[in-house]
């Protein structure tokens, strides 16, 4: 009897949460992904029907399948030892480098951006997983070289090259939004690591110059969008660079306090481009109103508070800096997306984490949460 009881305890233990904060992290992540599946099912129904032979729920079901797959991967890698991330950091970045190189050579271009890799049965965005690879590499490097925090900027050339080359490759593909987010991730990780503010501001200024150059170089309409955002839309620009911005604002404002009701969006009927991806927050406001939009923002705030609590509870360099990178990625990108819909920022083309349609982004978000939990559980047990 004692032997059976001990075996039962050994089976139960792997599935028990190690910390109440981890439980909160899993709960908030699950709520966000469920909210996202619900909204994608609604926002994508029209375009899904047009592109899938009348199957209005195909894209929504794909999002649900990606959520199940990503959630399962999250729970699996959350149990992996932290040594996997530190020992294989070069491998992860190397794989991401090769995939991004493939994107630049044989990738699929859309809207002036070459950021997709189509292998026949599967189309995905390597840059979403490259974000996590950069976070893991930089966090583990800082953990192994914490003495470098007081060194001058020129001593940081080697690690910054390791993370800068992948970011530059994404920029070469024309994806300004992802490039900006990856730059913010690196700057945020340096801040969480404790690098002097003067050094961070110097790097931020250099990154800003690079982003400005990317806006004004290439054949896409990035420069025109940025100019319209600065100077305001003219009547001549309504049907071109301002169409998405204006229809996004109209959709968001038409919801009022309580919204038109789930599934009742008018903008998704081919009026608002990317209604289920980059501009899904406008559909949230239109269908669920201001209260629904505030509820979604509250979920992201809850996720932000949970991640910050983990940083304070587990201050070892690897865990602290890695969580900081994931924080800037998910929370920062969420509020950049929302700011774009509100026209506070120019159109950057970044999805709303856990909410926008797209299996690559959703699975990558889940993987990031899994890596966070893996590091937290290791520190909780071994310090």
Protein backbone atom coordinates (compact mmCIF):
# COMPACT_ATOMS: atom_id res chain seq x y z
CA UNK A 1 0.00 0.00 0.00
CA UNK A 2 2.83 2.40 0.87
CA UNK A 3 4.56 1.63 -2.42
CA UNK A 4 1.41 2.36 -4.43
CA UNK A 5 0.88 5.63 -2.55
CA UNK A 6 4.46 6.76 -3.24
CA UNK A 7 4.09 5.99 -6.95
CA UNK A 8 0.85 7.94 -7.04
CA UNK A 9 2.56 10.95 -5.48
CA UNK A 10 5.38 10.74 -7.99
CA UNK A 11 2.85 10.77 -10.82
CA UNK A 12 0.95 13.71 -9.41
CA UNK A 13 3.92 15.92 -8.66
CA UNK A 14 4.90 16.86 -12.24
CA UNK A 15 1.48 18.42 -12.79
CA UNK A 16 1.35 20.54 -9.65
CA UNK A 17 2.04 24.28 -9.91
CA UNK A 18 5.18 25.32 -8.05
CA UNK A 19 4.09 28.89 -7.34
CA UNK A 20 0.77 30.76 -7.11
CA UNK A 21 2.22 33.34 -9.50
CA UNK A 22 2.87 30.62 -12.07
CA UNK A 23 -0.74 29.50 -11.70
CA UNK A 24 -1.85 33.09 -12.31
CA UNK A 25 0.40 33.30 -15.37
CA UNK A 26 -1.12 30.14 -16.85
CA UNK A 27 -4.66 31.33 -16.07
CA UNK A 28 -4.24 34.78 -17.65
CA UNK A 29 -2.54 33.26 -20.71
CA UNK A 30 -5.42 30.79 -21.12
CA UNK A 31 -8.02 33.58 -20.84
CA UNK A 32 -6.22 35.71 -23.43
CA UNK A 33 -5.98 32.83 -25.89
CA UNK A 34 -9.66 31.92 -25.42
CA UNK A 35 -10.62 35.55 -25.97
CA UNK A 36 -8.47 35.51 -29.11
CA UNK A 37 -10.06 32.36 -30.53
CA UNK A 38 -13.51 33.83 -29.95
CA UNK A 39 -12.61 37.11 -31.68
CA UNK A 40 -10.80 35.47 -34.63
CA UNK A 41 -13.80 33.21 -35.18
CA UNK A 42 -15.93 36.33 -35.56
CA UNK A 43 -13.50 38.73 -37.27
CA UNK A 44 -12.32 36.23 -39.88
CA UNK A 45 -15.71 34.76 -40.77
CA UNK A 46 -16.26 36.81 -43.94
CA UNK A 47 -12.76 36.48 -45.41
CA UNK A 48 -12.70 32.81 -44.38
CA UNK A 49 -15.91 32.15 -46.28
CA UNK A 50 -14.59 33.90 -49.37
CA UNK A 51 -11.27 32.05 -49.41
CA UNK A 52 -12.41 28.62 -48.17
CA UNK A 53 -15.33 27.82 -50.41
CA UNK A 54 -18.00 29.15 -48.07
CA UNK A 55 -16.53 27.72 -44.85
CA UNK A 56 -16.93 30.76 -42.62
CA UNK A 57 -15.30 29.08 -39.61
CA UNK A 58 -12.18 27.56 -41.20
CA UNK A 59 -9.80 30.32 -40.05
CA UNK A 60 -11.35 30.36 -36.60
CA UNK A 61 -10.93 26.61 -36.24
CA UNK A 62 -7.29 26.91 -37.37
CA UNK A 63 -6.74 29.50 -34.65
CA UNK A 64 -8.31 27.17 -32.09
CA UNK A 65 -6.08 24.30 -33.26
CA UNK A 66 -3.02 26.54 -32.98
CA UNK A 67 -4.08 27.52 -29.46
CA UNK A 68 -4.42 23.88 -28.41
CA UNK A 69 -1.09 22.97 -30.00
CA UNK A 70 0.70 25.99 -28.52
CA UNK A 71 -0.82 25.44 -25.09
CA UNK A 72 0.30 21.81 -25.09
CA UNK A 73 3.85 22.80 -26.09
CA UNK A 74 3.85 25.45 -23.37
CA UNK A 75 2.98 22.92 -20.65
CA UNK A 76 5.57 20.46 -21.98
CA UNK A 77 8.56 22.80 -22.18
CA UNK A 78 7.59 24.39 -18.85
CA UNK A 79 8.89 21.13 -17.31
CA UNK A 80 12.19 21.16 -19.20
CA UNK A 81 15.36 21.92 -17.20
CA UNK A 82 16.75 25.41 -17.60
CA UNK A 83 20.07 24.01 -18.83
CA UNK A 84 18.43 23.27 -22.20
CA UNK A 85 18.09 27.00 -22.90
CA UNK A 86 21.60 28.03 -21.83
CA UNK A 87 23.45 25.11 -23.44
CA UNK A 88 21.65 25.36 -26.77
CA UNK A 89 21.35 29.13 -27.12
CA UNK A 90 23.68 29.26 -30.15
CA UNK A 91 21.75 26.43 -31.80
CA UNK A 92 18.42 28.23 -31.38
CA UNK A 93 19.73 31.47 -32.89
CA UNK A 94 21.48 29.50 -35.64
CA UNK A 95 18.27 27.74 -36.65
CA UNK A 96 16.45 31.06 -36.63
CA UNK A 97 19.21 32.60 -38.74
CA UNK A 98 18.97 29.83 -41.35
CA UNK A 99 15.17 30.07 -41.50
CA UNK A 100 15.27 33.86 -41.84
CA UNK A 101 17.90 33.52 -44.57
CA UNK A 102 15.53 31.15 -46.36
CA UNK A 103 12.80 33.78 -46.03
CA UNK A 104 15.01 36.37 -47.74
CA UNK A 105 15.81 34.02 -50.61
CA UNK A 106 12.68 31.94 -51.24
CA UNK A 107 10.16 33.45 -48.84
CA UNK A 108 6.70 34.73 -49.64
CA UNK A 109 6.19 38.48 -49.99
CA UNK A 110 3.01 40.26 -48.93
CA UNK A 111 2.35 43.97 -48.61
CA UNK A 112 5.98 44.83 -49.30
CA UNK A 113 7.22 42.50 -46.54
CA UNK A 114 9.10 39.27 -47.16
CA UNK A 115 8.51 37.49 -43.86
CA UNK A 116 6.79 34.19 -44.64
CA UNK A 117 8.17 30.77 -45.45
CA UNK A 118 5.91 28.41 -47.39
CA UNK A 119 6.92 24.73 -47.35
CA UNK A 120 3.83 23.41 -49.12
CA UNK A 121 1.69 22.02 -46.34
CA UNK A 122 2.65 24.78 -43.91
CA UNK A 123 3.22 28.52 -44.08
CA UNK A 124 4.79 30.22 -41.08
CA UNK A 125 6.68 33.30 -39.91
CA UNK A 126 10.21 32.40 -38.69
CA UNK A 127 10.71 35.87 -37.22
CA UNK A 128 8.14 35.12 -34.49
CA UNK A 129 10.30 32.24 -33.23
CA UNK A 130 13.47 34.25 -33.83
CA UNK A 131 12.23 36.72 -31.20
CA UNK A 132 12.27 33.96 -28.60
CA UNK A 133 15.66 32.66 -29.78
CA UNK A 134 17.16 36.14 -29.36
CA UNK A 135 15.64 36.46 -25.87
CA UNK A 136 17.01 33.08 -24.77
CA UNK A 137 20.46 33.79 -26.21
CA UNK A 138 20.81 37.27 -24.74
CA UNK A 139 19.43 36.33 -21.31
CA UNK A 140 21.75 33.34 -20.94
CA UNK A 141 24.74 35.35 -22.21
CA UNK A 142 24.10 38.11 -19.66
CA UNK A 143 23.75 35.45 -16.95
CA UNK A 144 27.18 34.06 -17.87
CA UNK A 145 28.79 37.51 -18.24
CA UNK A 146 27.14 39.62 -15.53
CA UNK A 147 30.47 41.34 -14.86
CA UNK A 148 30.08 43.06 -18.24
CA UNK A 149 27.27 45.28 -16.97
CA UNK A 150 29.77 47.90 -15.79
CA UNK A 151 31.88 47.73 -18.94
CA UNK A 152 31.80 50.50 -21.62
CA UNK A 153 29.65 50.12 -24.73
CA UNK A 154 32.52 49.00 -26.98
CA UNK A 155 32.89 45.84 -24.88
CA UNK A 156 29.32 44.89 -25.83
CA UNK A 157 29.98 44.70 -29.57
CA UNK A 158 30.17 40.89 -29.73
CA UNK A 159 26.85 40.09 -27.97
CA UNK A 160 25.10 42.96 -29.76
CA UNK A 161 26.27 41.53 -33.09
CA UNK A 162 24.78 38.15 -32.14
CA UNK A 163 21.37 39.71 -31.56
CA UNK A 164 21.75 42.51 -34.10
CA UNK A 165 22.29 40.29 -37.15
CA UNK A 166 18.94 38.45 -36.75
CA UNK A 167 17.17 41.77 -36.24
CA UNK A 168 18.88 43.20 -39.32
CA UNK A 169 17.82 40.19 -41.39
CA UNK A 170 14.19 40.75 -40.42
CA UNK A 171 14.63 44.40 -41.40
CA UNK A 172 16.03 43.37 -44.80
CA UNK A 173 12.77 41.53 -45.38
CA UNK A 174 10.95 44.85 -45.03
CA UNK A 175 9.08 43.98 -41.84
CA UNK A 176 9.41 47.27 -39.97
CA UNK A 177 7.01 46.31 -37.17
CA UNK A 178 8.80 43.10 -36.19
CA UNK A 179 12.18 44.84 -36.47
CA UNK A 180 11.06 47.60 -34.11
CA UNK A 181 9.65 45.10 -31.60
CA UNK A 182 12.87 43.04 -31.63
CA UNK A 183 14.91 46.20 -31.07
CA UNK A 184 12.69 47.16 -28.13
CA UNK A 185 13.10 43.64 -26.71
CA UNK A 186 16.90 43.96 -26.67
CA UNK A 187 16.77 47.43 -25.10
CA UNK A 188 14.29 46.21 -22.50
CA UNK A 189 16.47 43.23 -21.60
CA UNK A 190 19.44 45.54 -21.11
CA UNK A 191 17.32 47.69 -18.80
CA UNK A 192 16.19 44.65 -16.78
CA UNK A 193 19.82 43.51 -16.61
CA UNK A 194 20.84 46.82 -15.03
CA UNK A 195 22.96 48.32 -17.82
CA UNK A 196 23.68 52.06 -17.27
CA UNK A 197 20.92 54.26 -18.66
CA UNK A 198 23.40 56.32 -20.72
CA UNK A 199 24.40 53.21 -22.67
CA UNK A 200 20.76 52.21 -23.22
CA UNK A 201 19.84 55.67 -24.50
CA UNK A 202 22.81 55.63 -26.87
CA UNK A 203 21.69 52.29 -28.30
CA UNK A 204 18.09 53.55 -28.48
CA UNK A 205 19.23 56.57 -30.53
CA UNK A 206 21.15 54.33 -32.94
CA UNK A 207 18.13 52.02 -33.24
CA UNK A 208 15.90 55.01 -33.93
CA UNK A 209 18.17 56.15 -36.78
CA UNK A 210 18.11 52.64 -38.24
CA UNK A 211 14.29 52.54 -38.04
CA UNK A 212 14.06 55.95 -39.73
CA UNK A 213 16.28 54.69 -42.53
CA UNK A 214 14.13 51.58 -42.92
CA UNK A 215 11.00 53.72 -43.19
CA UNK A 216 12.43 55.75 -46.04
CA UNK A 217 14.15 52.96 -47.96
CA UNK A 218 12.42 50.40 -50.16
CA UNK A 219 9.50 50.27 -52.50
CA UNK A 220 6.67 49.87 -49.98
CA UNK A 221 4.36 52.62 -48.73
CA UNK A 222 5.95 52.87 -45.27
CA UNK A 223 7.18 56.41 -45.87
CA UNK A 224 3.78 57.58 -47.11
CA UNK A 225 2.03 56.00 -44.11
CA UNK A 226 4.45 57.70 -41.72
CA UNK A 227 3.99 61.05 -43.46
CA UNK A 228 0.20 60.71 -43.31
CA UNK A 229 0.42 59.91 -39.60
CA UNK A 230 2.57 62.99 -38.94
CA UNK A 231 0.68 65.48 -41.11
CA UNK A 232 -2.79 63.96 -41.11
CA UNK A 233 -4.67 62.27 -43.93
CA UNK A 234 -5.64 64.24 -47.00
CA UNK A 235 -8.75 63.43 -49.11
CA UNK A 236 -6.44 62.08 -51.84
CA UNK A 237 -4.95 59.57 -49.37
CA UNK A 238 -8.27 58.22 -48.14
CA UNK A 239 -8.39 55.28 -50.56
CA UNK A 240 -4.67 54.52 -50.27
CA UNK A 241 -2.46 54.80 -47.17
CA UNK A 242 -5.25 56.09 -44.91
CA UNK A 243 -7.95 53.53 -45.73
CA UNK A 244 -7.02 51.05 -43.01
CA UNK A 245 -6.45 53.72 -40.36
CA UNK A 246 -9.73 55.53 -40.99
CA UNK A 247 -11.86 52.38 -41.18
CA UNK A 248 -10.21 51.04 -38.05
CA UNK A 249 -11.12 54.18 -36.14
CA UNK A 250 -14.69 54.12 -37.51
CA UNK A 251 -15.10 50.48 -36.49
CA UNK A 252 -13.74 51.11 -33.02
CA UNK A 253 -15.91 54.17 -32.43
CA UNK A 254 -19.12 52.65 -33.82
CA UNK A 255 -19.25 50.11 -31.00
CA UNK A 256 -20.10 52.69 -28.37
CA UNK A 257 -20.18 51.53 -24.76
CA UNK A 258 -21.64 48.04 -25.18
CA UNK A 259 -20.84 47.23 -28.82
CA UNK A 260 -22.95 45.97 -31.69
CA UNK A 261 -22.90 42.43 -30.33
CA UNK A 262 -20.70 39.39 -30.93
CA UNK A 263 -20.47 38.60 -34.64
CA UNK A 264 -22.21 41.85 -35.65
CA UNK A 265 -19.23 43.78 -37.00
CA UNK A 266 -19.82 45.70 -40.20
CA UNK A 267 -16.16 46.57 -40.80
CA UNK A 268 -15.17 42.92 -41.28
CA UNK A 269 -17.30 42.78 -44.44
CA UNK A 270 -14.26 43.70 -46.56
CA UNK A 271 -14.17 47.28 -45.29
CA UNK A 272 -11.26 46.88 -42.86
CA UNK A 273 -8.11 45.14 -44.18
CA UNK A 274 -6.58 42.59 -41.77
CA UNK A 275 -9.62 42.77 -39.50
CA UNK A 276 -8.72 39.44 -37.89
CA UNK A 277 -4.99 40.11 -37.50
CA UNK A 278 -3.33 43.52 -37.14
CA UNK A 279 -6.62 45.40 -36.61
CA UNK A 280 -8.54 42.90 -34.53
CA UNK A 281 -8.68 45.36 -31.62
CA UNK A 282 -10.95 47.55 -33.78
CA UNK A 283 -13.34 44.60 -34.15
CA UNK A 284 -13.22 44.04 -30.38
CA UNK A 285 -14.34 47.64 -29.86
CA UNK A 286 -16.98 47.43 -32.57
CA UNK A 287 -18.58 44.18 -31.39
CA UNK A 288 -17.98 44.34 -27.63
CA UNK A 289 -17.83 48.09 -27.17
CA UNK A 290 -15.65 50.13 -24.87
CA UNK A 291 -16.32 47.71 -22.02
CA UNK A 292 -15.00 44.78 -24.07
CA UNK A 293 -11.93 46.74 -25.16
CA UNK A 294 -11.23 47.73 -21.55
CA UNK A 295 -11.66 44.11 -20.44
CA UNK A 296 -9.07 43.00 -22.99
CA UNK A 297 -6.65 45.73 -21.90
CA UNK A 298 -7.23 44.65 -18.29
CA UNK A 299 -6.16 41.10 -19.20
CA UNK A 300 -2.90 42.42 -20.66
CA UNK A 301 -2.37 44.54 -17.55
CA UNK A 302 -2.93 41.43 -15.41
CA UNK A 303 -0.35 39.58 -17.50
CA UNK A 304 2.09 42.49 -17.13
CA UNK A 305 1.64 42.57 -13.35
CA UNK A 306 2.13 38.80 -13.16
CA UNK A 307 5.38 38.95 -15.14
CA UNK A 308 6.70 41.82 -13.00
CA UNK A 309 5.86 39.87 -9.86
CA UNK A 310 7.88 36.96 -11.22
CA UNK A 311 10.82 39.30 -11.87
CA UNK A 312 10.71 40.52 -8.27
CA UNK A 313 10.20 37.04 -6.84
CA UNK A 314 12.98 35.38 -8.88
CA UNK A 315 15.80 37.92 -9.35
CA UNK A 316 18.55 35.64 -10.70
CA UNK A 317 20.06 37.18 -13.89
CA UNK A 318 18.86 34.52 -16.33
CA UNK A 319 15.29 34.49 -15.06
CA UNK A 320 15.05 38.25 -14.55
CA UNK A 321 16.39 39.24 -17.96
CA UNK A 322 14.51 36.51 -19.83
CA UNK A 323 11.20 37.49 -18.24
CA UNK A 324 12.04 41.11 -19.04
CA UNK A 325 12.45 40.22 -22.71
CA UNK A 326 9.17 38.32 -22.80
CA UNK A 327 7.49 41.22 -20.96
CA UNK A 328 8.64 43.77 -23.56
CA UNK A 329 7.71 41.41 -26.39
CA UNK A 330 4.17 40.50 -25.36
CA UNK A 331 3.08 43.53 -23.33
CA UNK A 332 5.01 46.06 -25.39
CA UNK A 333 3.75 44.62 -28.68
CA UNK A 334 0.19 44.52 -27.34
CA UNK A 335 0.17 48.21 -26.55
CA UNK A 336 1.97 49.08 -29.80
CA UNK A 337 -0.80 47.23 -31.68
CA UNK A 338 -3.52 49.01 -29.73
CA UNK A 339 -1.77 52.38 -30.21
CA UNK A 340 -1.68 51.78 -33.97
CA UNK A 341 -5.43 51.08 -34.06
CA UNK A 342 -6.01 54.27 -32.05
CA UNK A 343 -3.74 56.15 -34.50
CA UNK A 344 -1.37 57.07 -31.68
CA UNK A 345 1.38 55.33 -33.69
CA UNK A 346 1.76 54.88 -37.46
CA UNK A 347 0.78 51.55 -39.00
CA UNK A 348 3.53 49.03 -38.15
CA UNK A 349 1.88 45.71 -38.97
CA UNK A 350 2.38 43.84 -35.70
CA UNK A 351 -0.24 41.38 -34.38
CA UNK A 352 -1.93 41.59 -31.00
CA UNK A 353 -0.32 38.78 -28.94
CA UNK A 354 -2.61 35.81 -28.18
CA UNK A 355 -5.50 37.61 -29.94
CA UNK A 356 -4.71 38.18 -33.62
CA UNK A 357 -5.06 35.35 -36.11
CA UNK A 358 -1.87 33.58 -37.12
CA UNK A 359 -0.58 30.25 -35.89
CA UNK A 360 3.11 31.28 -35.92
CA UNK A 361 2.63 34.21 -33.58
CA UNK A 362 0.26 32.34 -31.27
CA UNK A 363 2.49 29.28 -30.89
CA UNK A 364 5.55 31.50 -30.37
CA UNK A 365 3.72 33.40 -27.62
CA UNK A 366 2.87 30.14 -25.87
CA UNK A 367 6.47 28.94 -26.19
CA UNK A 368 7.69 32.14 -24.55
CA UNK A 369 5.41 31.59 -21.56
CA UNK A 370 6.63 27.98 -21.33
CA UNK A 371 10.28 29.07 -21.25
CA UNK A 372 9.47 31.61 -18.52
CA UNK A 373 7.84 28.93 -16.37
CA UNK A 374 10.78 26.58 -16.99
CA UNK A 375 13.26 29.17 -15.68
CA UNK A 376 11.05 30.14 -12.73
CA UNK A 377 10.59 26.54 -11.61
CA UNK A 378 14.33 25.89 -11.78
CA UNK A 379 15.14 28.96 -9.67
CA UNK A 380 12.38 28.13 -7.21
CA UNK A 381 13.86 24.69 -6.60
CA UNK A 382 17.60 25.32 -6.88
CA UNK A 383 18.05 29.07 -6.42
